[in-house]
Amino acid sequence: MPPSSSHDEQQIRNLIDAWMQASRSGDLETLMGLMADDVLFLTVGNPPMTRGDFESRFRAMQGKVKIDGSPQIKEITIHGDLALCWLFLDLTITPLNGEVMRRSGDILSSYRRGADGRWRIWRDANLLSS
C-alpha cells in the first residue's frame, strides 16, 4: 500500500525542517542528501544552479557566514511521486565581519520521491529579495 498523502506531506515538512537545520549548522553533507542528483535552483537574474554549483558555493561560504531563517509553509500539493510546496521564507545571512543581510520572499519547490521512498528537492524557484 502506498504511503498516505498526510504521511508524504509530513515527510516534506520534515525535509524542510532538516534543510533549515543543516543550513544553520553548515552541514553540507545533510543538505546534499536532501537533493535529487539532477536538482536545479532557479534564482532571479542567474542561470540555473546545479547540485555541483550549490556544493561549490556552499563550501566557499562555510565558516564565513551564519545562515538562519524561518519558513512559513503556505501549501503542499502531492501527486504521485511529485510534490509542490509554496512557502514564504524570511532569511538572515550574517557574515562574520560584515552587515547582516536579510532576504525574504516566496519560494516554490518541487520534490520527487526516489526509488528508496525518500522525498528530495528536485526544482527550487527562489524569489527572495532584500
C-alpha atoms as a PDB file:
ATOM      1  CA  MET A   1       0.000   0.000   0.000  1.00  0.00           C
ATOM      2  CA  PRO A   2       1.460   3.442  -0.945  1.00  0.00           C
ATOM      3  CA  PRO A   3       2.064   5.994   1.801  1.00  0.00           C
ATOM      4  CA  SER A   4      -0.837   8.313   2.589  1.00  0.00           C
ATOM      5  CA  SER A   5      -0.874  11.899   1.422  1.00  0.00           C
ATOM      6  CA  SER A   6      -0.658  13.121   5.023  1.00  0.00           C
ATOM      7  CA  HIS A   7       2.390  10.878   5.588  1.00  0.00           C
ATOM      8  CA  ASP A   8       4.028  12.301   2.437  1.00  0.00           C
ATOM      9  CA  GLU A   9       3.185  15.849   3.490  1.00  0.00           C
ATOM     10  CA  GLN A  10       4.779  15.273   6.886  1.00  0.00           C
ATOM     11  CA  GLN A  11       7.912  13.875   5.221  1.00  0.00           C
ATOM     12  CA  ILE A  12       8.174  17.036   3.097  1.00  0.00           C
ATOM     13  CA  ARG A  13       7.680  19.235   6.173  1.00  0.00           C
ATOM     14  CA  ASN A  14      10.430  17.234   7.897  1.00  0.00           C
ATOM     15  CA  LEU A  15      12.692  17.710   4.864  1.00  0.00           C
ATOM     16  CA  ILE A  16      12.169  21.490   5.019  1.00  0.00           C
ATOM     17  CA  ASP A  17      12.975  21.468   8.749  1.00  0.00           C
ATOM     18  CA  ALA A  18      16.082  19.344   8.121  1.00  0.00           C
ATOM     19  CA  TRP A  19      17.171  21.729   5.340  1.00  0.00           C
ATOM     20  CA  MET A  20      16.864  24.733   7.634  1.00  0.00           C
ATOM     21  CA  GLN A  21      18.721  22.995  10.472  1.00  0.00           C
ATOM     22  CA  ALA A  22      21.531  21.870   8.158  1.00  0.00           C
ATOM     23  CA  SER A  23      21.786  25.391   6.724  1.00  0.00           C
ATOM     24  CA  ARG A  24      22.045  26.856  10.231  1.00  0.00           C
ATOM     25  CA  SER A  25      24.746  24.399  11.268  1.00  0.00           C
ATOM     26  CA  GLY A  26      26.684  24.442   7.979  1.00  0.00           C
ATOM     27  CA  ASP A  27      26.046  20.717   7.419  1.00  0.00           C
ATOM     28  CA  LEU A  28      26.725  20.334   3.704  1.00  0.00           C
ATOM     29  CA  GLU A  29      26.563  16.515   3.791  1.00  0.00           C
ATOM     30  CA  THR A  30      22.973  16.610   5.059  1.00  0.00           C
ATOM     31  CA  LEU A  31      21.992  19.267   2.508  1.00  0.00           C
ATOM     32  CA  MET A  32      23.400  17.179  -0.343  1.00  0.00           C
ATOM     33  CA  GLY A  33      21.387  14.182   0.854  1.00  0.00           C
ATOM     34  CA  LEU A  34      18.189  16.227   0.686  1.00  0.00           C
ATOM     35  CA  MET A  35      18.648  16.994  -3.039  1.00  0.00           C
ATOM     36  CA  ALA A  36      17.943  14.909  -6.116  1.00  0.00           C
ATOM     37  CA  ASP A  37      21.013  14.271  -8.264  1.00  0.00           C
ATOM     38  CA  ASP A  38      19.526  16.444 -11.035  1.00  0.00           C
ATOM     39  CA  VAL A  39      18.310  19.271  -8.766  1.00  0.00           C
ATOM     40  CA  LEU A  40      18.120  22.799 -10.193  1.00  0.00           C
ATOM     41  CA  PHE A  41      17.859  26.016  -8.197  1.00  0.00           C
ATOM     42  CA  LEU A  42      16.332  28.969 -10.021  1.00  0.00           C
ATOM     43  CA  THR A  43      17.019  32.486  -8.765  1.00  0.00           C
ATOM     44  CA  VAL A  44      16.229  35.882 -10.247  1.00  0.00           C
ATOM     45  CA  GLY A  45      18.846  37.113 -12.706  1.00  0.00           C
ATOM     46  CA  ASN A  46      21.055  34.000 -12.549  1.00  0.00           C
ATOM     47  CA  PRO A  47      21.423  30.853 -14.626  1.00  0.00           C
ATOM     48  CA  PRO A  48      20.064  27.668 -13.031  1.00  0.00           C
ATOM     49  CA  MET A  49      22.310  26.354 -10.261  1.00  0.00           C
ATOM     50  CA  THR A  50      23.099  22.629 -10.367  1.00  0.00           C
ATOM     51  CA  ARG A  51      23.901  20.328  -7.472  1.00  0.00           C
ATOM     52  CA  GLY A  52      27.623  20.792  -8.129  1.00  0.00           C
ATOM     53  CA  ASP A  53      27.227  24.579  -8.263  1.00  0.00           C
ATOM     54  CA  PHE A  54      25.372  24.514  -4.939  1.00  0.00           C
ATOM     55  CA  GLU A  55      28.097  22.423  -3.329  1.00  0.00           C
ATOM     56  CA  SER A  56      30.867  24.741  -4.566  1.00  0.00           C
ATOM     57  CA  ARG A  57      29.063  27.889  -3.427  1.00  0.00           C
ATOM     58  CA  PHE A  58      28.207  26.429  -0.039  1.00  0.00           C
ATOM     59  CA  ARG A  59      31.819  25.325   0.539  1.00  0.00           C
ATOM     60  CA  ALA A  60      33.011  28.837  -0.367  1.00  0.00           C
ATOM     61  CA  MET A  61      30.691  30.309   2.295  1.00  0.00           C
ATOM     62  CA  GLN A  62      31.382  27.750   5.042  1.00  0.00           C
ATOM     63  CA  GLY A  63      32.811  29.377   8.138  1.00  0.00           C
ATOM     64  CA  LYS A  64      32.309  32.847   6.663  1.00  0.00           C
ATOM     65  CA  VAL A  65      28.588  33.365   7.214  1.00  0.00           C
ATOM     66  CA  LYS A  66      25.852  32.292   9.574  1.00  0.00           C
ATOM     67  CA  ILE A  67      22.504  31.442   7.986  1.00  0.00           C
ATOM     68  CA  ASP A  68      19.186  31.461   9.785  1.00  0.00           C
ATOM     69  CA  GLY A  69      15.651  31.514   8.564  1.00  0.00           C
ATOM     70  CA  SER A  70      12.051  30.766   9.254  1.00  0.00           C
ATOM     71  CA  PRO A  71       9.938  29.130   6.569  1.00  0.00           C
ATOM     72  CA  GLN A  72       6.181  29.544   6.573  1.00  0.00           C
ATOM     73  CA  ILE A  73       4.615  26.766   4.528  1.00  0.00           C
ATOM     74  CA  LYS A  74       1.617  28.047   2.588  1.00  0.00           C
ATOM     75  CA  GLU A  75       0.692  24.981   0.547  1.00  0.00           C
ATOM     76  CA  ILE A  76       1.841  21.450  -0.197  1.00  0.00           C
ATOM     77  CA  THR A  77       0.330  19.567  -3.122  1.00  0.00           C
ATOM     78  CA  ILE A  78       1.243  15.944  -3.784  1.00  0.00           C
ATOM     79  CA  HIS A  79       0.568  13.968  -6.941  1.00  0.00           C
ATOM     80  CA  GLY A  80       2.129  10.531  -7.083  1.00  0.00           C
ATOM     81  CA  ASP A  81       5.906  10.802  -6.792  1.00  0.00           C
ATOM     82  CA  LEU A  82       5.979  14.574  -7.333  1.00  0.00           C
ATOM     83  CA  ALA A  83       5.065  17.320  -4.882  1.00  0.00           C
ATOM     84  CA  LEU A  84       4.964  21.104  -4.897  1.00  0.00           C
ATOM     85  CA  CYS A  85       5.472  23.316  -1.884  1.00  0.00           C
ATOM     86  CA  TRP A  86       4.903  27.052  -1.753  1.00  0.00           C
ATOM     87  CA  LEU A  87       6.472  28.730   1.218  1.00  0.00           C
ATOM     88  CA  PHE A  88       7.449  32.169   2.386  1.00  0.00           C
ATOM     89  CA  LEU A  89      10.993  32.370   3.736  1.00  0.00           C
ATOM     90  CA  ASP A  90      12.477  35.048   5.941  1.00  0.00           C
ATOM     91  CA  LEU A  91      16.252  34.541   5.791  1.00  0.00           C
ATOM     92  CA  THR A  92      19.113  36.222   7.629  1.00  0.00           C
ATOM     93  CA  ILE A  93      22.696  35.898   6.408  1.00  0.00           C
ATOM     94  CA  THR A  94      25.313  37.208   8.814  1.00  0.00           C
ATOM     95  CA  PRO A  95      28.896  37.459   7.554  1.00  0.00           C
ATOM     96  CA  LEU A  96      31.470  37.055  10.333  1.00  0.00           C
ATOM     97  CA  ASN A  97      32.844  40.526   9.633  1.00  0.00           C
ATOM     98  CA  GLY A  98      30.033  42.385   7.953  1.00  0.00           C
ATOM     99  CA  GLU A  99      26.500  43.658   7.949  1.00  0.00           C
ATOM    100  CA  VAL A 100      23.523  41.393   8.392  1.00  0.00           C
ATOM    101  CA  MET A 101      21.705  40.722   5.127  1.00  0.00           C
ATOM    102  CA  ARG A 102      18.029  39.942   5.287  1.00  0.00           C
ATOM    103  CA  ARG A 103      16.144  38.352   2.431  1.00  0.00           C
ATOM    104  CA  SER A 104      12.513  37.350   2.301  1.00  0.00           C
ATOM    105  CA  GLY A 105      10.072  36.149  -0.291  1.00  0.00           C
ATOM    106  CA  ASP A 106       8.208  33.301  -1.838  1.00  0.00           C
ATOM    107  CA  ILE A 107       9.755  30.004  -2.847  1.00  0.00           C
ATOM    108  CA  LEU A 108       8.167  27.309  -4.967  1.00  0.00           C
ATOM    109  CA  SER A 109       9.906  23.965  -4.629  1.00  0.00           C
ATOM    110  CA  SER A 110       9.170  20.683  -6.289  1.00  0.00           C
ATOM    111  CA  TYR A 111      10.093  17.400  -4.680  1.00  0.00           C
ATOM    112  CA  ARG A 112      10.491  13.970  -6.201  1.00  0.00           C
ATOM    113  CA  ARG A 113      10.196  10.681  -4.353  1.00  0.00           C
ATOM    114  CA  GLY A 114      13.174   8.442  -5.040  1.00  0.00           C
ATOM    115  CA  ALA A 115      13.213   4.682  -5.543  1.00  0.00           C
ATOM    116  CA  ASP A 116      14.141   4.459  -1.847  1.00  0.00           C
ATOM    117  CA  GLY A 117      10.840   6.179  -0.907  1.00  0.00           C
ATOM    118  CA  ARG A 118      12.541   9.382   0.298  1.00  0.00           C
ATOM    119  CA  TRP A 119      11.487  12.814  -0.892  1.00  0.00           C
ATOM    120  CA  ARG A 120      14.222  15.125  -2.192  1.00  0.00           C
ATOM    121  CA  ILE A 121      14.290  18.643  -3.596  1.00  0.00           C
ATOM    122  CA  TRP A 122      14.146  18.440  -7.385  1.00  0.00           C
ATOM    123  CA  ARG A 123      13.474  22.031  -8.518  1.00  0.00           C
ATOM    124  CA  ASP A 124      13.524  25.212  -6.458  1.00  0.00           C
ATOM    125  CA  ALA A 125      12.395  28.655  -7.647  1.00  0.00           C
ATOM    126  CA  ASN A 126      13.609  31.215  -5.137  1.00  0.00           C
ATOM    127  CA  LEU A 127      12.160  34.729  -5.256  1.00  0.00           C
ATOM    128  CA  LEU A 128      13.916  36.127  -2.182  1.00  0.00           C
ATOM    129  CA  SER A 129      14.648  39.840  -2.301  1.00  0.00           C
ATOM    130  CA  SER A 130      16.162  42.358   0.067  1.00  0.00           C
END
